[in-house]
C-alpha atoms as a PDB file:
ATOM      1  CA  MET A   1      92.307  76.606 146.483  1.00  0.00           C
ATOM      2  CA  LYS A   2      91.428  75.342 149.943  1.00  0.00           C
ATOM      3  CA  LYS A   3      94.943  73.988 150.440  1.00  0.00           C
ATOM      4  CA  THR A   4      96.436  77.355 149.489  1.00  0.00           C
ATOM      5  CA  LEU A   5      94.162  79.183 151.896  1.00  0.00           C
ATOM      6  CA  ALA A   6      94.906  76.742 154.712  1.00  0.00           C
ATOM      7  CA  ALA A   7      98.648  77.008 154.097  1.00  0.00           C
ATOM      8  CA  SER A   8      98.456  80.806 154.054  1.00  0.00           C
ATOM      9  CA  LEU A   9      96.531  80.898 157.308  1.00  0.00           C
ATOM     10  CA  ALA A  10      98.996  78.481 158.908  1.00  0.00           C
ATOM     11  CA  ILE A  11     101.965  80.608 157.871  1.00  0.00           C
ATOM     12  CA  VAL A  12     100.312  83.799 159.116  1.00  0.00           C
ATOM     13  CA  SER A  13      99.429  82.249 162.472  1.00  0.00           C
ATOM     14  CA  ILE A  14     102.934  80.800 162.951  1.00  0.00           C
ATOM     15  CA  ALA A  15     104.504  84.147 162.030  1.00  0.00           C
ATOM     16  CA  GLY A  16     102.201  85.877 164.512  1.00  0.00           C
ATOM     17  CA  ALA A  17     103.180  83.458 167.263  1.00  0.00           C
ATOM     18  CA  LEU A  18     106.891  83.926 166.578  1.00  0.00           C
ATOM     19  CA  ALA A  19     106.726  87.712 166.444  1.00  0.00           C
ATOM     20  CA  VAL A  20     107.399  88.326 170.135  1.00  0.00           C
ATOM     21  CA  THR A  21     107.551  92.022 171.039  1.00  0.00           C
ATOM     22  CA  PRO A  22     107.825  93.850 174.354  1.00  0.00           C
ATOM     23  CA  ALA A  23     104.539  94.587 176.089  1.00  0.00           C
ATOM     24  CA  HIS A  24     103.926  98.087 174.734  1.00  0.00           C
ATOM     25  CA  ALA A  25     100.368  98.891 173.754  1.00  0.00           C
ATOM     26  CA  GLN A  26     101.400 101.098 170.824  1.00  0.00           C
ATOM     27  CA  ARG A  27     103.422  98.394 169.084  1.00  0.00           C
ATOM     28  CA  GLY A  28     100.875  95.642 169.772  1.00  0.00           C
ATOM     29  CA  VAL A  29      97.988  97.621 168.306  1.00  0.00           C
ATOM     30  CA  ALA A  30      99.888  98.445 165.118  1.00  0.00           C
ATOM     31  CA  ALA A  31     100.973  94.840 164.656  1.00  0.00           C
ATOM     32  CA  GLY A  32      97.415  93.624 165.220  1.00  0.00           C
ATOM     33  CA  VAL A  33      95.999  96.101 162.705  1.00  0.00           C
ATOM     34  CA  ALA A  34      98.654  95.167 160.131  1.00  0.00           C
ATOM     35  CA  ALA A  35      98.024  91.441 160.626  1.00  0.00           C
ATOM     36  CA  GLY A  36      94.273  91.990 160.293  1.00  0.00           C
ATOM     37  CA  LEU A  37      94.670  93.934 157.059  1.00  0.00           C
ATOM     38  CA  ILE A  38      96.994  91.325 155.555  1.00  0.00           C
ATOM     39  CA  GLY A  39      94.749  88.437 156.635  1.00  0.00           C
ATOM     40  CA  GLY A  40      91.676  90.222 155.290  1.00  0.00           C
ATOM     41  CA  ALA A  41      93.375  90.808 151.952  1.00  0.00           C
ATOM     42  CA  ILE A  42      94.340  87.128 151.674  1.00  0.00           C
ATOM     43  CA  VAL A  43      90.889  85.810 152.573  1.00  0.00           C
ATOM     44  CA  GLY A  44      89.104  88.458 150.471  1.00  0.00           C
ATOM     45  CA  SER A  45      91.140  87.696 147.376  1.00  0.00           C
ATOM     46  CA  ALA A  46      90.561  83.957 147.826  1.00  0.00           C
ATOM     47  CA  ILE A  47      86.789  84.490 147.997  1.00  0.00           C
ATOM     48  CA  ALA A  48      86.753  86.944 145.085  1.00  0.00           C
ATOM     49  CA  ASN A  49      88.713  84.589 142.811  1.00  0.00           C
ATOM     50  CA  SER A  50      86.600  81.495 143.467  1.00  0.00           C
ATOM     51  CA  PRO A  51      84.231  80.369 140.683  1.00  0.00           C
ATOM     52  CA  PRO A  52      80.451  80.507 141.182  1.00  0.00           C
ATOM     53  CA  PRO A  53      78.588  77.338 142.255  1.00  0.00           C
ATOM     54  CA  GLY A  54      77.928  74.948 139.386  1.00  0.00           C
ATOM     55  CA  TYR A  55      80.709  76.441 137.238  1.00  0.00           C
ATOM     56  CA  TYR A  56      82.511  73.164 136.625  1.00  0.00           C
ATOM     57  CA  GLY A  57      79.449  71.126 135.711  1.00  0.00           C
ATOM     58  CA  PRO A  58      75.829  70.507 136.595  1.00  0.00           C
ATOM     59  CA  PRO A  59      74.695  71.227 140.130  1.00  0.00           C
ATOM     60  CA  PRO A  60      75.439  68.476 142.645  1.00  0.00           C
ATOM     61  CA  GLY A  61      72.832  65.803 143.134  1.00  0.00           C
ATOM     62  CA  TYR A  62      72.069  62.147 142.691  1.00  0.00           C
ATOM     63  CA  TYR A  63      70.837  61.116 139.273  1.00  0.00           C
ATOM     64  CA  ASP A  64      69.319  57.645 138.895  1.00  0.00           C
ATOM     65  CA  ALA A  65      69.911  55.596 135.794  1.00  0.00           C
ATOM     66  CA  PRO A  66      66.861  55.640 133.531  1.00  0.00           C
ATOM     67  CA  PRO A  67      64.581  52.597 133.831  1.00  0.00           C
ATOM     68  CA  PRO A  68      64.732  50.081 130.975  1.00  0.00           C
ATOM     69  CA  GLY A  69      62.233  51.061 128.271  1.00  0.00           C
ATOM     70  CA  GLY A  70      59.442  53.612 128.399  1.00  0.00           C
ATOM     71  CA  CYS A  71      59.805  57.143 129.745  1.00  0.00           C
ATOM     72  CA  TYR A  72      61.954  58.768 132.415  1.00  0.00           C
ATOM     73  CA  TRP A  73      62.590  62.204 133.907  1.00  0.00           C
ATOM     74  CA  GLN A  74      65.787  64.058 133.101  1.00  0.00           C
ATOM     75  CA  GLN A  75      67.205  67.453 134.100  1.00  0.00           C
ATOM     76  CA  ARG A  76      67.522  69.633 130.980  1.00  0.00           C
ATOM     77  CA  ARG A  77      69.289  72.956 130.771  1.00  0.00           C
ATOM     78  CA  TYR A  78      67.541  75.921 129.126  1.00  0.00           C
ATOM     79  CA  TRP A  79      68.287  79.612 128.605  1.00  0.00           C
ATOM     80  CA  ASP A  80      65.629  81.960 129.961  1.00  0.00           C
ATOM     81  CA  GLY A  81      67.147  85.134 128.502  1.00  0.00           C
ATOM     82  CA  TYR A  82      69.218  85.949 131.578  1.00  0.00           C
ATOM     83  CA  ALA A  83      70.894  82.743 132.771  1.00  0.00           C
ATOM     84  CA  TRP A  84      71.034  78.980 132.265  1.00  0.00           C
ATOM     85  CA  ASN A  85      68.502  77.093 134.378  1.00  0.00           C
ATOM     86  CA  TYR A  86      67.559  73.445 134.852  1.00  0.00           C
ATOM     87  CA  ARG A  87      64.098  71.876 134.787  1.00  0.00           C
ATOM     88  CA  PRO A  88      62.804  68.313 134.815  1.00  0.00           C
ATOM     89  CA  VAL A  89      61.671  67.037 131.400  1.00  0.00           C
ATOM     90  CA  ARG A  90      59.960  63.743 130.611  1.00  0.00           C
ATOM     91  CA  VAL A  91      61.928  61.831 127.959  1.00  0.00           C
ATOM     92  CA  CYS A  92      60.320  58.947 126.112  1.00  0.00           C
ATOM     93  CA  TYR A  93      61.888  56.577 123.569  1.00  0.00           C
END
């Protein structure tokens, strides 16, 4: 996803640098507007198609290994009626 976006932006910027036109204000404005619309469409579609945070697994963080024997704290997922949430739960064995 990030590689595709970076490659697209590189191609657009190289194409913009190579598109040399005479110094007429009318042509420069139209080309700038067109490039802005195309760039906005590319970036907007990349943002719209990205998954929400935490989609591919639990939220990022460091989880310690449980201590040997006794009880430990663990993040457990629960449904609150609207969305999945996480809360710390004490687990004993």
